Amino acid sequence: MSEVQQKDNFLLYVILAGAVAAGAVFMVKNAEHDKYAAAAQAISEDSSNSAYRNDVLHSGGAKK
């Protein structure tokens, strides 16, 4: 009786799972990149469109 030993593919499965996960992260990140393009353009045209502006209400601890 001869027993044929099968190759263990665990490492291959781990590498494939990592590649799939990295691909998913890349796709989500790439899709989210254009999400704020309109806001970035509006802020670059007029800095008062930013929520992080430095005006009288936000300087020196002044409150509304």
C-alpha atoms as a PDB file:
ATOM      1  CA  MET A   1       0.000   0.000   0.000  1.00  0.00           C
ATOM      2  CA  SER A   2       1.422   3.318  -1.000  1.00  0.00           C
ATOM      3  CA  GLU A   3       0.117   6.453   0.573  1.00  0.00           C
ATOM      4  CA  VAL A   4       0.423   9.657  -1.400  1.00  0.00           C
ATOM      5  CA  GLN A   5       0.967  12.657   0.841  1.00  0.00           C
ATOM      6  CA  GLN A   6      -0.960  15.722  -0.274  1.00  0.00           C
ATOM      7  CA  LYS A   7       0.670  19.132  -0.274  1.00  0.00           C
ATOM      8  CA  ASP A   8      -0.491  21.471   2.471  1.00  0.00           C
ATOM      9  CA  ASN A   9      -1.971  24.592   0.891  1.00  0.00           C
ATOM     10  CA  PHE A  10      -2.465  26.587   4.115  1.00  0.00           C
ATOM     11  CA  LEU A  11       0.189  29.179   3.255  1.00  0.00           C
ATOM     12  CA  LEU A  12      -1.290  29.624  -0.224  1.00  0.00           C
ATOM     13  CA  TYR A  13      -4.732  30.207   1.295  1.00  0.00           C
ATOM     14  CA  VAL A  14      -3.365  32.773   3.745  1.00  0.00           C
ATOM     15  CA  ILE A  15      -1.572  34.662   0.959  1.00  0.00           C
ATOM     16  CA  LEU A  16      -4.670  34.618  -1.245  1.00  0.00           C
ATOM     17  CA  ALA A  17      -6.859  35.844   1.621  1.00  0.00           C
ATOM     18  CA  GLY A  18      -4.397  38.674   2.288  1.00  0.00           C
ATOM     19  CA  ALA A  19      -4.359  39.641  -1.386  1.00  0.00           C
ATOM     20  CA  VAL A  20      -8.166  39.667  -1.511  1.00  0.00           C
ATOM     21  CA  ALA A  21      -8.349  41.770   1.669  1.00  0.00           C
ATOM     22  CA  ALA A  22      -5.741  44.232   0.348  1.00  0.00           C
ATOM     23  CA  GLY A  23      -7.648  44.475  -2.924  1.00  0.00           C
ATOM     24  CA  ALA A  24     -10.883  45.203  -1.084  1.00  0.00           C
ATOM     25  CA  VAL A  25      -9.244  47.913   1.016  1.00  0.00           C
ATOM     26  CA  PHE A  26      -7.718  49.472  -2.100  1.00  0.00           C
ATOM     27  CA  MET A  27     -11.070  49.461  -3.912  1.00  0.00           C
ATOM     28  CA  VAL A  28     -12.902  51.073  -0.972  1.00  0.00           C
ATOM     29  CA  LYS A  29     -10.182  53.681  -0.537  1.00  0.00           C
ATOM     30  CA  ASN A  30     -10.210  54.459  -4.244  1.00  0.00           C
ATOM     31  CA  ALA A  31     -14.005  54.825  -4.236  1.00  0.00           C
ATOM     32  CA  GLU A  32     -13.919  57.160  -1.223  1.00  0.00           C
ATOM     33  CA  HIS A  33     -11.250  59.400  -2.780  1.00  0.00           C
ATOM     34  CA  ASP A  34     -13.676  61.218  -5.092  1.00  0.00           C
ATOM     35  CA  LYS A  35     -16.315  61.544  -2.391  1.00  0.00           C
ATOM     36  CA  TYR A  36     -14.950  64.836  -1.060  1.00  0.00           C
ATOM     37  CA  ALA A  37     -13.700  66.326  -4.346  1.00  0.00           C
ATOM     38  CA  ALA A  38     -16.505  68.908  -4.493  1.00  0.00           C
ATOM     39  CA  ALA A  39     -15.832  70.030  -0.918  1.00  0.00           C
ATOM     40  CA  ALA A  40     -12.085  70.270  -1.551  1.00  0.00           C
ATOM     41  CA  GLN A  41     -12.706  72.386  -4.641  1.00  0.00           C
ATOM     42  CA  ALA A  42     -15.093  74.695  -2.776  1.00  0.00           C
ATOM     43  CA  ILE A  43     -12.591  75.131   0.061  1.00  0.00           C
ATOM     44  CA  SER A  44      -9.768  75.881  -2.350  1.00  0.00           C
ATOM     45  CA  GLU A  45     -11.888  78.563  -4.039  1.00  0.00           C
ATOM     46  CA  ASP A  46     -13.047  80.184  -0.799  1.00  0.00           C
ATOM     47  CA  SER A  47     -11.533  79.214   2.539  1.00  0.00           C
ATOM     48  CA  SER A  48     -14.665  80.365   4.403  1.00  0.00           C
ATOM     49  CA  ASN A  49     -16.337  77.170   3.142  1.00  0.00           C
ATOM     50  CA  SER A  50     -14.166  75.112   5.494  1.00  0.00           C
ATOM     51  CA  ALA A  51     -15.382  73.944   8.881  1.00  0.00           C
ATOM     52  CA  TYR A  52     -11.818  74.500  10.136  1.00  0.00           C
ATOM     53  CA  ARG A  53     -11.618  78.172   9.272  1.00  0.00           C
ATOM     54  CA  ASN A  54      -9.978  80.641  11.595  1.00  0.00           C
ATOM     55  CA  ASP A  55     -12.437  83.488  12.019  1.00  0.00           C
ATOM     56  CA  VAL A  56     -13.602  85.685  14.889  1.00  0.00           C
ATOM     57  CA  LEU A  57     -15.971  83.082  16.333  1.00  0.00           C
ATOM     58  CA  HIS A  58     -13.282  80.412  16.461  1.00  0.00           C
ATOM     59  CA  SER A  59     -10.289  82.419  17.644  1.00  0.00           C
ATOM     60  CA  GLY A  60      -9.335  83.206  21.207  1.00  0.00           C
ATOM     61  CA  GLY A  61     -11.877  80.879  22.768  1.00  0.00           C
ATOM     62  CA  ALA A  62     -14.766  83.182  21.855  1.00  0.00           C
ATOM     63  CA  LYS A  63     -18.133  81.468  21.836  1.00  0.00           C
ATOM     64  CA  LYS A  64     -21.314  82.175  19.906  1.00  0.00           C
END
